[in-house]
C-alpha cells in the first residue's frame, strides 16, 4: 500500500492502518488524526508537519522517521521503536 492509498482511505473514513508496511512513505503535512498504526512499519517515513493527534503507534517501527513539526497531542507510542526518529519542533495542536 502506498501513501496515496492511505490518504484516500483516510478521506473515506478508514482509521485502522495497523499491520502495514509503509516504510519510506511520505505523509508530510497530511491530516491523519486518530489513526491506528499499531504494528505498522513506518521506517524512515516522512511525517513532518502532519497532524497525527490521537494516533496510536503501539509496537510501531518509527526508526529513522521524520516527525519534525508534527502535531502529536494525545498520540500514544507504547512499545514503539523510535531509534533515530526526529521529533524536533513538534507542535501539539
Protein backbone atom coordinates (compact mmCIF):
# COMPACT_ATOMS: atom_id res chain seq x y z
CA UNK A 1 0.00 0.00 0.00
CA UNK A 2 1.46 3.37 -0.93
CA UNK A 3 0.96 6.60 0.95
CA UNK A 4 -1.62 7.98 -1.54
CA UNK A 5 -3.79 4.93 -0.97
CA UNK A 6 -3.69 5.53 2.79
CA UNK A 7 -4.63 9.18 2.38
CA UNK A 8 -7.53 8.30 0.08
CA UNK A 9 -8.79 5.65 2.51
CA UNK A 10 -8.48 8.15 5.38
CA UNK A 11 -10.64 10.63 3.45
CA UNK A 12 -13.21 7.83 3.00
CA UNK A 13 -13.33 7.30 6.78
CA UNK A 14 -10.84 4.50 7.41
CA UNK A 15 -8.74 4.90 10.57
CA UNK A 16 -7.22 1.44 11.07
CA UNK A 17 -3.87 1.18 9.29
CA UNK A 18 -2.38 -1.43 11.60
CA UNK A 19 -0.02 -4.19 10.46
CA UNK A 20 1.02 -2.47 7.22
CA UNK A 21 4.40 -1.94 5.59
CA UNK A 22 4.68 1.79 4.98
CA UNK A 23 8.45 2.18 5.14
CA UNK A 24 9.67 5.35 3.42
CA UNK A 25 6.09 6.60 2.97
CA UNK A 26 5.60 10.33 2.60
CA UNK A 27 2.83 11.74 4.79
CA UNK A 28 4.38 15.20 5.15
CA UNK A 29 1.69 17.71 6.05
CA UNK A 30 -1.10 15.10 5.99
CA UNK A 31 -4.09 15.09 8.34
CA UNK A 32 -4.27 11.61 9.88
CA UNK A 33 -5.83 12.29 13.28
CA UNK A 34 -6.96 9.31 15.31
CA UNK A 35 -5.40 6.63 13.11
CA UNK A 36 -4.25 3.29 14.44
CA UNK A 37 -0.78 2.46 13.13
CA UNK A 38 -0.22 -0.42 15.59
CA UNK A 39 2.49 -2.84 14.50
CA UNK A 40 2.97 -0.94 11.24
CA UNK A 41 6.39 -0.28 9.74
CA UNK A 42 6.86 3.44 9.24
CA UNK A 43 10.63 3.00 8.94
CA UNK A 44 12.20 6.23 7.64
CA UNK A 45 8.75 7.63 6.84
CA UNK A 46 8.34 11.35 6.28
CA UNK A 47 5.67 12.62 8.68
CA UNK A 48 6.88 16.19 9.16
CA UNK A 49 4.18 18.83 9.73
CA UNK A 50 1.49 16.11 9.72
CA UNK A 51 -1.40 16.10 12.18
CA UNK A 52 -1.22 12.78 14.00
CA UNK A 53 -3.18 13.88 17.06
CA UNK A 54 -4.69 10.96 18.98
CA UNK A 55 -2.94 8.43 16.70
CA UNK A 56 -1.89 5.04 18.09
CA UNK A 57 1.63 3.79 17.42
CA UNK A 58 1.63 0.59 19.54
CA UNK A 59 4.68 -1.51 18.61
CA UNK A 60 5.12 0.66 15.51
CA UNK A 61 8.52 0.84 13.84
CA UNK A 62 9.30 4.55 13.54
CA UNK A 63 13.06 4.03 13.28
CA UNK A 64 14.58 6.98 11.42
CA UNK A 65 11.19 8.62 10.83
CA UNK A 66 10.97 12.38 10.29
CA UNK A 67 8.35 13.79 12.68
CA UNK A 68 9.63 17.37 12.74
CA UNK A 69 6.87 19.86 13.46
CA UNK A 70 4.27 17.11 13.71
CA UNK A 71 1.14 17.59 15.85
CA UNK A 72 1.08 14.68 18.29
CA UNK A 73 -1.32 15.76 21.04
CA UNK A 74 -2.86 12.64 22.57
CA UNK A 75 -0.76 10.27 20.42
CA UNK A 76 0.38 7.01 22.03
CA UNK A 77 3.79 5.40 21.42
CA UNK A 78 3.67 2.36 23.75
CA UNK A 79 6.42 -0.12 22.85
CA UNK A 80 7.18 1.76 19.60
CA UNK A 81 10.65 1.63 18.08
CA UNK A 82 11.82 5.26 17.99
CA UNK A 83 15.57 4.90 17.37
CA UNK A 84 16.73 7.84 15.28
CA UNK A 85 13.24 9.34 14.93
CA UNK A 86 13.36 13.14 14.72
CA UNK A 87 10.70 14.87 16.85
CA UNK A 88 12.27 18.36 16.81
CA UNK A 89 9.83 21.23 16.71
CA UNK A 90 6.79 19.10 17.48
CA UNK A 91 3.78 21.38 17.71
CA UNK A 92 0.84 19.81 19.53
CA UNK A 93 -2.49 21.30 18.46
